[in-house]
PDB file of N, CA and C in Angstrom:
ATOM      1  N   MET A   1      18.912 -19.074  -3.846  1.00  0.00           N
ATOM      2  CA  MET A   1      18.180 -18.531  -4.967  1.00  0.00           C
ATOM      3  C   MET A   1      18.774 -19.068  -6.255  1.00  0.00           C
ATOM      4  N   ALA A   2      17.902 -19.520  -7.123  1.00  0.00           N
ATOM      5  CA  ALA A   2      18.331 -20.023  -8.419  1.00  0.00           C
ATOM      6  C   ALA A   2      18.337 -18.882  -9.427  1.00  0.00           C
ATOM      7  N   ILE A   3      19.294 -18.929 -10.337  1.00  0.00           N
ATOM      8  CA  ILE A   3      19.365 -17.932 -11.401  1.00  0.00           C
ATOM      9  C   ILE A   3      18.852 -18.588 -12.677  1.00  0.00           C
ATOM     10  N   ALA A   4      17.850 -17.992 -13.300  1.00  0.00           N
ATOM     11  CA  ALA A   4      17.253 -18.550 -14.512  1.00  0.00           C
ATOM     12  C   ALA A   4      17.841 -17.870 -15.738  1.00  0.00           C
ATOM     13  N   LYS A   5      18.181 -18.679 -16.754  1.00  0.00           N
ATOM     14  CA  LYS A   5      18.718 -18.130 -17.996  1.00  0.00           C
ATOM     15  C   LYS A   5      17.753 -18.347 -19.158  1.00  0.00           C
ATOM     16  N   ASN A   6      16.583 -18.882 -18.866  1.00  0.00           N
ATOM     17  CA  ASN A   6      15.568 -19.144 -19.863  1.00  0.00           C
ATOM     18  C   ASN A   6      14.991 -17.818 -20.363  1.00  0.00           C
ATOM     19  N   PHE A   7      14.742 -17.710 -21.665  1.00  0.00           N
ATOM     20  CA  PHE A   7      14.221 -16.473 -22.253  1.00  0.00           C
ATOM     21  C   PHE A   7      12.867 -16.098 -21.665  1.00  0.00           C
ATOM     22  N   LEU A   8      11.988 -17.064 -21.476  1.00  0.00           N
ATOM     23  CA  LEU A   8      10.659 -16.779 -20.922  1.00  0.00           C
ATOM     24  C   LEU A   8      10.750 -16.273 -19.485  1.00  0.00           C
ATOM     25  N   MET A   9      11.681 -16.794 -18.724  1.00  0.00           N
ATOM     26  CA  MET A   9      11.838 -16.362 -17.334  1.00  0.00           C
ATOM     27  C   MET A   9      12.380 -14.937 -17.263  1.00  0.00           C
ATOM     28  N   LYS A  10      13.137 -14.522 -18.263  1.00  0.00           N
ATOM     29  CA  LYS A  10      13.663 -13.154 -18.267  1.00  0.00           C
ATOM     30  C   LYS A  10      12.545 -12.131 -18.422  1.00  0.00           C
ATOM     31  N   LEU A  11      11.423 -12.541 -18.996  1.00  0.00           N
ATOM     32  CA  LEU A  11      10.286 -11.647 -19.193  1.00  0.00           C
ATOM     33  C   LEU A  11       9.329 -11.661 -18.005  1.00  0.00           C
ATOM     34  N   ALA A  12       9.487 -12.641 -17.124  1.00  0.00           N
ATOM     35  CA  ALA A  12       8.539 -12.806 -16.020  1.00  0.00           C
ATOM     36  C   ALA A  12       9.041 -12.129 -14.753  1.00  0.00           C
ATOM     37  N   SER A  13       8.084 -11.736 -13.913  1.00  0.00           N
ATOM     38  CA  SER A  13       8.398 -11.266 -12.574  1.00  0.00           C
ATOM     39  C   SER A  13       7.126 -11.340 -11.755  1.00  0.00           C
ATOM     40  N   GLY A  14       7.269 -11.517 -10.445  1.00  0.00           N
ATOM     41  CA  GLY A  14       6.101 -11.638  -9.577  1.00  0.00           C
ATOM     42  C   GLY A  14       6.138 -12.936  -8.804  1.00  0.00           C
ATOM     43  N   ARG A  15       4.961 -13.465  -8.530  1.00  0.00           N
ATOM     44  CA  ARG A  15       4.905 -14.696  -7.755  1.00  0.00           C
ATOM     45  C   ARG A  15       4.034 -15.724  -8.455  1.00  0.00           C
ATOM     46  N   ILE A  16       4.287 -16.962  -8.157  1.00  0.00           N
ATOM     47  CA  ILE A  16       3.480 -18.068  -8.653  1.00  0.00           C
ATOM     48  C   ILE A  16       2.865 -18.716  -7.426  1.00  0.00           C
ATOM     49  N   GLY A  17       1.585 -18.436  -7.214  1.00  0.00           N
ATOM     50  CA  GLY A  17       0.910 -18.928  -6.021  1.00  0.00           C
ATOM     51  C   GLY A  17       1.586 -18.383  -4.780  1.00  0.00           C
ATOM     52  N   LYS A  18       1.735 -19.252  -3.791  1.00  0.00           N
ATOM     53  CA  LYS A  18       2.480 -18.875  -2.586  1.00  0.00           C
ATOM     54  C   LYS A  18       3.686 -19.792  -2.444  1.00  0.00           C
ATOM     55  N   ASP A  19       4.264 -20.139  -3.600  1.00  0.00           N
ATOM     56  CA  ASP A  19       5.394 -21.058  -3.606  1.00  0.00           C
ATOM     57  C   ASP A  19       6.680 -20.403  -4.100  1.00  0.00           C
ATOM     58  N   ILE A  20       6.609 -19.717  -5.231  1.00  0.00           N
ATOM     59  CA  ILE A  20       7.813 -19.211  -5.886  1.00  0.00           C
ATOM     60  C   ILE A  20       7.678 -17.715  -6.166  1.00  0.00           C
ATOM     61  N   VAL A  21       8.785 -16.987  -5.998  1.00  0.00           N
ATOM     62  CA  VAL A  21       8.849 -15.567  -6.341  1.00  0.00           C
ATOM     63  C   VAL A  21       9.903 -15.401  -7.429  1.00  0.00           C
ATOM     64  N   ILE A  22       9.546 -14.665  -8.480  1.00  0.00           N
ATOM     65  CA  ILE A  22      10.472 -14.404  -9.578  1.00  0.00           C
ATOM     66  C   ILE A  22      10.888 -12.941  -9.480  1.00  0.00           C
ATOM     67  N   LYS A  23      12.200 -12.703  -9.347  1.00  0.00           N
ATOM     68  CA  LYS A  23      12.721 -11.345  -9.164  1.00  0.00           C
ATOM     69  C   LYS A  23      13.683 -11.006 -10.290  1.00  0.00           C
ATOM     70  N   GLN A  24      13.698  -9.732 -10.659  1.00  0.00           N
ATOM     71  CA  GLN A  24      14.640  -9.225 -11.653  1.00  0.00           C
ATOM     72  C   GLN A  24      15.644  -8.326 -10.936  1.00  0.00           C
ATOM     73  N   ARG A  25      16.921  -8.635 -11.054  1.00  0.00           N
ATOM     74  CA  ARG A  25      17.991  -7.801 -10.501  1.00  0.00           C
ATOM     75  C   ARG A  25      18.999  -7.558 -11.610  1.00  0.00           C
ATOM     76  N   GLY A  26      18.978  -6.341 -12.127  1.00  0.00           N
ATOM     77  CA  GLY A  26      19.869  -6.042 -13.246  1.00  0.00           C
ATOM     78  C   GLY A  26      19.442  -6.842 -14.461  1.00  0.00           C
ATOM     79  N   ASP A  27      20.371  -7.602 -15.031  1.00  0.00           N
ATOM     80  CA  ASP A  27      20.039  -8.417 -16.200  1.00  0.00           C
ATOM     81  C   ASP A  27      19.844  -9.884 -15.833  1.00  0.00           C
ATOM     82  N   LYS A  28      19.712 -10.193 -14.551  1.00  0.00           N
ATOM     83  CA  LYS A  28      19.538 -11.572 -14.095  1.00  0.00           C
ATOM     84  C   LYS A  28      18.138 -11.786 -13.525  1.00  0.00           C
ATOM     85  N   THR A  29      17.655 -13.016 -13.656  1.00  0.00           N
ATOM     86  CA  THR A  29      16.358 -13.410 -13.118  1.00  0.00           C
ATOM     87  C   THR A  29      16.598 -14.414 -12.004  1.00  0.00           C
ATOM     88  N   PHE A  30      16.013 -14.164 -10.835  1.00  0.00           N
ATOM     89  CA  PHE A  30      16.192 -15.029  -9.680  1.00  0.00           C
ATOM     90  C   PHE A  30      14.872 -15.678  -9.307  1.00  0.00           C
ATOM     91  N   LEU A  31      14.937 -16.934  -8.938  1.00  0.00           N
ATOM     92  CA  LEU A  31      13.792 -17.655  -8.397  1.00  0.00           C
ATOM     93  C   LEU A  31      14.063 -17.881  -6.923  1.00  0.00           C
ATOM     94  N   SER A  32      13.087 -17.564  -6.083  1.00  0.00           N
ATOM     95  CA  SER A  32      13.275 -17.768  -4.652  1.00  0.00           C
ATOM     96  C   SER A  32      11.980 -18.261  -4.028  1.00  0.00           C
ATOM     97  N   GLN A  33      12.105 -18.702  -2.801  1.00  0.00           N
ATOM     98  CA  GLN A  33      10.951 -19.183  -2.053  1.00  0.00           C
ATOM     99  C   GLN A  33      10.097 -17.999  -1.617  1.00  0.00           C
ATOM    100  N   TYR A  34       8.787 -18.202  -1.565  1.00  0.00           N
ATOM    101  CA  TYR A  34       7.864 -17.166  -1.108  1.00  0.00           C
ATOM    102  C   TYR A  34       8.183 -16.846   0.352  1.00  0.00           C
ATOM    103  N   PRO A  35       8.257 -15.565   0.730  1.00  0.00           N
ATOM    104  CA  PRO A  35       8.632 -15.221   2.105  1.00  0.00           C
ATOM    105  C   PRO A  35       7.575 -15.644   3.128  1.00  0.00           C
ATOM    106  N   ASP A  36       8.043 -16.057   4.300  1.00  0.00           N
ATOM    107  CA  ASP A  36       7.158 -16.483   5.387  1.00  0.00           C
ATOM    108  C   ASP A  36       7.167 -15.402   6.463  1.00  0.00           C
ATOM    109  N   PHE A  37       6.039 -14.703   6.619  1.00  0.00           N
ATOM    110  CA  PHE A  37       5.928 -13.632   7.598  1.00  0.00           C
ATOM    111  C   PHE A  37       5.173 -14.072   8.847  1.00  0.00           C
ATOM    112  N   SER A  38       4.955 -15.358   9.017  1.00  0.00           N
ATOM    113  CA  SER A  38       4.142 -15.830  10.139  1.00  0.00           C
ATOM    114  C   SER A  38       4.812 -15.585  11.491  1.00  0.00           C
ATOM    115  N   LYS A  39       6.123 -15.526  11.545  1.00  0.00           N
ATOM    116  CA  LYS A  39       6.828 -15.334  12.819  1.00  0.00           C
ATOM    117  C   LYS A  39       7.247 -13.879  13.032  1.00  0.00           C
ATOM    118  N   ARG A  40       6.781 -13.004  12.179  1.00  0.00           N
ATOM    119  CA  ARG A  40       7.134 -11.593  12.279  1.00  0.00           C
ATOM    120  C   ARG A  40       6.444 -10.977  13.491  1.00  0.00           C
ATOM    121  N   VAL A  41       7.188 -10.213  14.266  1.00  0.00           N
ATOM    122  CA  VAL A  41       6.646  -9.525  15.432  1.00  0.00           C
ATOM    123  C   VAL A  41       6.774  -8.025  15.177  1.00  0.00           C
ATOM    124  N   LEU A  42       5.632  -7.342  15.160  1.00  0.00           N
ATOM    125  CA  LEU A  42       5.640  -5.901  14.926  1.00  0.00           C
ATOM    126  C   LEU A  42       5.945  -5.161  16.219  1.00  0.00           C
ATOM    127  N   THR A  43       6.650  -4.046  16.094  1.00  0.00           N
ATOM    128  CA  THR A  43       6.948  -3.226  17.260  1.00  0.00           C
ATOM    129  C   THR A  43       5.701  -2.437  17.652  1.00  0.00           C
ATOM    130  N   GLU A  44       5.753  -1.843  18.825  1.00  0.00           N
ATOM    131  CA  GLU A  44       4.627  -1.036  19.310  1.00  0.00           C
ATOM    132  C   GLU A  44       4.353   0.130  18.358  1.00  0.00           C
ATOM    133  N   LYS A  45       5.413   0.745  17.854  1.00  0.00           N
ATOM    134  CA  LYS A  45       5.272   1.868  16.932  1.00  0.00           C
ATOM    135  C   LYS A  45       4.609   1.430  15.617  1.00  0.00           C
ATOM    136  N   GLN A  46       4.980   0.256  15.110  1.00  0.00           N
ATOM    137  CA  GLN A  46       4.384  -0.254  13.879  1.00  0.00           C
ATOM    138  C   GLN A  46       2.906  -0.568  14.077  1.00  0.00           C
ATOM    139  N   LEU A  47       2.565  -1.157  15.210  1.00  0.00           N
ATOM    140  CA  LEU A  47       1.166  -1.465  15.503  1.00  0.00           C
ATOM    141  C   LEU A  47       0.339  -0.185  15.600  1.00  0.00           C
ATOM    142  N   LYS A  48       0.905   0.836  16.240  1.00  0.00           N
ATOM    143  CA  LYS A  48       0.210   2.118  16.377  1.00  0.00           C
ATOM    144  C   LYS A  48       0.007   2.764  15.010  1.00  0.00           C
ATOM    145  N   ASN A  49       1.036   2.700  14.163  1.00  0.00           N
ATOM    146  CA  ASN A  49       0.938   3.273  12.827  1.00  0.00           C
ATOM    147  C   ASN A  49      -0.081   2.516  11.973  1.00  0.00           C
ATOM    148  N   ASN A  50      -0.128   1.188  12.092  1.00  0.00           N
ATOM    149  CA  ASN A  50      -1.121   0.400  11.365  1.00  0.00           C
ATOM    150  C   ASN A  50      -2.532   0.773  11.795  1.00  0.00           C
ATOM    151  N   GLU A  51      -2.716   1.001  13.093  1.00  0.00           N
ATOM    152  CA  GLU A  51      -4.028   1.384  13.609  1.00  0.00           C
ATOM    153  C   GLU A  51      -4.435   2.764  13.079  1.00  0.00           C
ATOM    154  N   ARG A  52      -3.487   3.694  13.054  1.00  0.00           N
ATOM    155  CA  ARG A  52      -3.774   5.032  12.525  1.00  0.00           C
ATOM    156  C   ARG A  52      -4.141   4.969  11.044  1.00  0.00           C
ATOM    157  N   MET A  53      -3.425   4.142  10.288  1.00  0.00           N
ATOM    158  CA  MET A  53      -3.713   4.017   8.859  1.00  0.00           C
ATOM    159  C   MET A  53      -5.088   3.401   8.649  1.00  0.00           C
ATOM    160  N   GLU A  54      -5.467   2.465   9.491  1.00  0.00           N
ATOM    161  CA  GLU A  54      -6.795   1.864   9.406  1.00  0.00           C
ATOM    162  C   GLU A  54      -7.873   2.919   9.670  1.00  0.00           C
ATOM    163  N   GLN A  55      -7.642   3.776  10.657  1.00  0.00           N
ATOM    164  CA  GLN A  55      -8.587   4.856  10.953  1.00  0.00           C
ATOM    165  C   GLN A  55      -8.648   5.856   9.798  1.00  0.00           C
ATOM    166  N   ALA A  56      -7.495   6.168   9.208  1.00  0.00           N
ATOM    167  CA  ALA A  56      -7.454   7.099   8.077  1.00  0.00           C
ATOM    168  C   ALA A  56      -8.204   6.522   6.882  1.00  0.00           C
ATOM    169  N   ASN A  57      -8.054   5.230   6.648  1.00  0.00           N
ATOM    170  CA  ASN A  57      -8.758   4.567   5.556  1.00  0.00           C
ATOM    171  C   ASN A  57     -10.264   4.614   5.787  1.00  0.00           C
ATOM    172  N   TYR A  58     -10.692   4.353   7.010  1.00  0.00           N
ATOM    173  CA  TYR A  58     -12.114   4.398   7.360  1.00  0.00           C
ATOM    174  C   TYR A  58     -12.663   5.814   7.159  1.00  0.00           C
ATOM    175  N   TYR A  59     -11.902   6.817   7.570  1.00  0.00           N
ATOM    176  CA  TYR A  59     -12.293   8.223   7.413  1.00  0.00           C
ATOM    177  C   TYR A  59     -12.445   8.582   5.932  1.00  0.00           C
ATOM    178  N   ALA A  60     -11.438   8.236   5.129  1.00  0.00           N
ATOM    179  CA  ALA A  60     -11.453   8.590   3.707  1.00  0.00           C
ATOM    180  C   ALA A  60     -12.567   7.856   2.970  1.00  0.00           C
ATOM    181  N   ARG A  61     -12.730   6.571   3.234  1.00  0.00           N
ATOM    182  CA  ARG A  61     -13.775   5.795   2.558  1.00  0.00           C
ATOM    183  C   ARG A  61     -15.166   6.298   2.934  1.00  0.00           C
ATOM    184  N   GLY A  62     -15.331   6.729   4.178  1.00  0.00           N
ATOM    185  CA  GLY A  62     -16.615   7.265   4.615  1.00  0.00           C
ATOM    186  C   GLY A  62     -16.987   8.522   3.860  1.00  0.00           C
ATOM    187  N   ILE A  63     -16.022   9.387   3.640  1.00  0.00           N
ATOM    188  CA  ILE A  63     -16.281  10.629   2.906  1.00  0.00           C
ATOM    189  C   ILE A  63     -16.518  10.343   1.425  1.00  0.00           C
ATOM    190  N   ILE A  64     -15.739   9.454   0.857  1.00  0.00           N
ATOM    191  CA  ILE A  64     -15.865   9.149  -0.567  1.00  0.00           C
ATOM    192  C   ILE A  64     -17.187   8.448  -0.876  1.00  0.00           C
ATOM    193  N   SER A  65     -17.698   7.655   0.055  1.00  0.00           N
ATOM    194  CA  SER A  65     -18.922   6.893  -0.207  1.00  0.00           C
ATOM    195  C   SER A  65     -20.164   7.775  -0.316  1.00  0.00           C
ATOM    196  N   ASP A  66     -20.176   8.923   0.336  1.00  0.00           N
ATOM    197  CA  ASP A  66     -21.322   9.830   0.277  1.00  0.00           C
ATOM    198  C   ASP A  66     -21.048  10.917  -0.765  1.00  0.00           C
ATOM    199  N   GLU A  67     -21.942  11.042  -1.735  1.00  0.00           N
ATOM    200  CA  GLU A  67     -21.712  11.958  -2.857  1.00  0.00           C
ATOM    201  C   GLU A  67     -21.611  13.421  -2.427  1.00  0.00           C
ATOM    202  N   ALA A  68     -22.442  13.842  -1.495  1.00  0.00           N
ATOM    203  CA  ALA A  68     -22.425  15.249  -1.064  1.00  0.00           C
ATOM    204  C   ALA A  68     -21.126  15.592  -0.335  1.00  0.00           C
ATOM    205  N   THR A  69     -20.706  14.728   0.595  1.00  0.00           N
ATOM    206  CA  THR A  69     -19.459  15.007   1.323  1.00  0.00           C
ATOM    207  C   THR A  69     -18.246  14.872   0.405  1.00  0.00           C
ATOM    208  N   ARG A  70     -18.339  13.960  -0.576  1.00  0.00           N
ATOM    209  CA  ARG A  70     -17.234  13.809  -1.532  1.00  0.00           C
ATOM    210  C   ARG A  70     -17.058  15.091  -2.342  1.00  0.00           C
ATOM    211  N   ASP A  71     -18.160  15.648  -2.837  1.00  0.00           N
ATOM    212  CA  ASP A  71     -18.073  16.880  -3.623  1.00  0.00           C
ATOM    213  C   ASP A  71     -17.565  18.047  -2.774  1.00  0.00           C
ATOM    214  N   ALA A  72     -18.005  18.104  -1.517  1.00  0.00           N
ATOM    215  CA  ALA A  72     -17.526  19.165  -0.620  1.00  0.00           C
ATOM    216  C   ALA A  72     -16.024  19.018  -0.365  1.00  0.00           C
ATOM    217  N   ALA A  73     -15.569  17.772  -0.200  1.00  0.00           N
ATOM    218  CA  ALA A  73     -14.140  17.530   0.033  1.00  0.00           C
ATOM    219  C   ALA A  73     -13.318  17.882  -1.201  1.00  0.00           C
ATOM    220  N   LEU A  74     -13.855  17.610  -2.384  1.00  0.00           N
ATOM    221  CA  LEU A  74     -13.149  17.972  -3.619  1.00  0.00           C
ATOM    222  C   LEU A  74     -12.937  19.478  -3.702  1.00  0.00           C
ATOM    223  N   LEU A  75     -13.959  20.234  -3.334  1.00  0.00           N
ATOM    224  CA  LEU A  75     -13.831  21.693  -3.355  1.00  0.00           C
ATOM    225  C   LEU A  75     -12.908  22.193  -2.248  1.00  0.00           C
ATOM    226  N   ARG A  76     -13.053  21.617  -1.047  1.00  0.00           N
ATOM    227  CA  ARG A  76     -12.261  22.063   0.102  1.00  0.00           C
ATOM    228  C   ARG A  76     -10.769  21.801  -0.109  1.00  0.00           C
ATOM    229  N   LEU A  77     -10.435  20.621  -0.638  1.00  0.00           N
ATOM    230  CA  LEU A  77      -9.030  20.248  -0.800  1.00  0.00           C
ATOM    231  C   LEU A  77      -8.454  20.686  -2.148  1.00  0.00           C
ATOM    232  N   ASN A  78      -9.332  21.100  -3.069  1.00  0.00           N
ATOM    233  CA  ASN A  78      -8.915  21.568  -4.386  1.00  0.00           C
ATOM    234  C   ASN A  78      -8.066  20.523  -5.115  1.00  0.00           C
ATOM    235  N   VAL A  79      -8.605  19.300  -5.204  1.00  0.00           N
ATOM    236  CA  VAL A  79      -7.927  18.211  -5.901  1.00  0.00           C
ATOM    237  C   VAL A  79      -8.892  17.579  -6.891  1.00  0.00           C
ATOM    238  N   THR A  80      -8.337  16.808  -7.822  1.00  0.00           N
ATOM    239  CA  THR A  80      -9.180  16.060  -8.747  1.00  0.00           C
ATOM    240  C   THR A  80      -9.688  14.810  -8.050  1.00  0.00           C
ATOM    241  N   ARG A  81     -10.677  14.181  -8.660  1.00  0.00           N
ATOM    242  CA  ARG A  81     -11.331  13.039  -8.012  1.00  0.00           C
ATOM    243  C   ARG A  81     -10.372  11.864  -7.797  1.00  0.00           C
ATOM    244  N   ASN A  82      -9.434  11.657  -8.724  1.00  0.00           N
ATOM    245  CA  ASN A  82      -8.530  10.525  -8.587  1.00  0.00           C
ATOM    246  C   ASN A  82      -7.471  10.737  -7.497  1.00  0.00           C
ATOM    247  N   LYS A  83      -7.336  11.950  -6.967  1.00  0.00           N
ATOM    248  CA  LYS A  83      -6.370  12.211  -5.897  1.00  0.00           C
ATOM    249  C   LYS A  83      -7.049  12.471  -4.558  1.00  0.00           C
ATOM    250  N   LEU A  84      -8.362  12.287  -4.518  1.00  0.00           N
ATOM    251  CA  LEU A  84      -9.117  12.614  -3.308  1.00  0.00           C
ATOM    252  C   LEU A  84      -8.757  11.701  -2.139  1.00  0.00           C
ATOM    253  N   TYR A  85      -8.656  10.395  -2.374  1.00  0.00           N
ATOM    254  CA  TYR A  85      -8.370   9.458  -1.283  1.00  0.00           C
ATOM    255  C   TYR A  85      -7.050   9.811  -0.599  1.00  0.00           C
ATOM    256  N   THR A  86      -6.010  10.026  -1.386  1.00  0.00           N
ATOM    257  CA  THR A  86      -4.697  10.352  -0.830  1.00  0.00           C
ATOM    258  C   THR A  86      -4.739  11.661  -0.053  1.00  0.00           C
ATOM    259  N   SER A  87      -5.452  12.636  -0.580  1.00  0.00           N
ATOM    260  CA  SER A  87      -5.561  13.927   0.103  1.00  0.00           C
ATOM    261  C   SER A  87      -6.327  13.810   1.414  1.00  0.00           C
ATOM    262  N   LEU A  88      -7.353  12.963   1.440  1.00  0.00           N
ATOM    263  CA  LEU A  88      -8.112  12.761   2.673  1.00  0.00           C
ATOM    264  C   LEU A  88      -7.272  12.055   3.737  1.00  0.00           C
ATOM    265  N   VAL A  89      -6.470  11.087   3.318  1.00  0.00           N
ATOM    266  CA  VAL A  89      -5.582  10.402   4.269  1.00  0.00           C
ATOM    267  C   VAL A  89      -4.561  11.391   4.815  1.00  0.00           C
ATOM    268  N   ARG A  90      -4.007  12.230   3.945  1.00  0.00           N
ATOM    269  CA  ARG A  90      -3.045  13.246   4.378  1.00  0.00           C
ATOM    270  C   ARG A  90      -3.700  14.211   5.367  1.00  0.00           C
ATOM    271  N   GLU A  91      -4.929  14.626   5.068  1.00  0.00           N
ATOM    272  CA  GLU A  91      -5.660  15.527   5.954  1.00  0.00           C
ATOM    273  C   GLU A  91      -5.907  14.871   7.318  1.00  0.00           C
ATOM    274  N   PHE A  92      -6.249  13.586   7.309  1.00  0.00           N
ATOM    275  CA  PHE A  92      -6.484  12.868   8.563  1.00  0.00           C
ATOM    276  C   PHE A  92      -5.220  12.851   9.421  1.00  0.00           C
ATOM    277  N   PHE A  93      -4.080  12.535   8.806  1.00  0.00           N
ATOM    278  CA  PHE A  93      -2.830  12.491   9.560  1.00  0.00           C
ATOM    279  C   PHE A  93      -2.433  13.876  10.068  1.00  0.00           C
ATOM    280  N   LYS A  94      -2.712  14.906   9.284  1.00  0.00           N
ATOM    281  CA  LYS A  94      -2.406  16.267   9.728  1.00  0.00           C
ATOM    282  C   LYS A  94      -3.258  16.633  10.937  1.00  0.00           C
ATOM    283  N   GLU A  95      -4.545  16.272  10.911  1.00  0.00           N
ATOM    284  CA  GLU A  95      -5.426  16.537  12.049  1.00  0.00           C
ATOM    285  C   GLU A  95      -4.985  15.748  13.280  1.00  0.00           C
ATOM    286  N   MET A  96      -4.541  14.498  13.068  1.00  0.00           N
ATOM    287  CA  MET A  96      -4.053  13.679  14.188  1.00  0.00           C
ATOM    288  C   MET A  96      -2.823  14.327  14.815  1.00  0.00           C
ATOM    289  N   LYS A  97      -1.937  14.860  13.977  1.00  0.00           N
ATOM    290  CA  LYS A  97      -0.714  15.488  14.473  1.00  0.00           C
ATOM    291  C   LYS A  97      -1.041  16.761  15.248  1.00  0.00           C
ATOM    292  N   ASP A  98      -2.021  17.520  14.767  1.00  0.00           N
ATOM    293  CA  ASP A  98      -2.402  18.766  15.434  1.00  0.00           C
ATOM    294  C   ASP A  98      -3.048  18.511  16.789  1.00  0.00           C
ATOM    295  N   THR A  99      -3.775  17.404  16.937  1.00  0.00           N
ATOM    296  CA  THR A  99      -4.453  17.120  18.203  1.00  0.00           C
ATOM    297  C   THR A  99      -3.510  16.537  19.245  1.00  0.00           C
ATOM    298  N   GLU A 100      -2.367  16.022  18.828  1.00  0.00           N
ATOM    299  CA  GLU A 100      -1.429  15.414  19.795  1.00  0.00           C
ATOM    300  C   GLU A 100      -0.670  16.435  20.577  1.00  0.00           C
TER     301      GLU A 100
END
């Protein structure tokens, strides 16, 4: 990892394409190679959790897309509209836990 002392680099952070990552650690700026996740192998537990999250996302998006069910969910969960998605995902996971 290269350490940058340039003033402009001290203000930057993030990635440039899929080539370079700019990181801030304390008062130093580091340049590094973009991480390669192509050889990553997920465990059985991670795959199961990813599948559950995909189902929770599908459940929440389905409710949010229909205006009548969205309004009913807002009343049922007693949350504001900007917190509805998170509350629906939480509700889905709670129901999954109860059925197991």
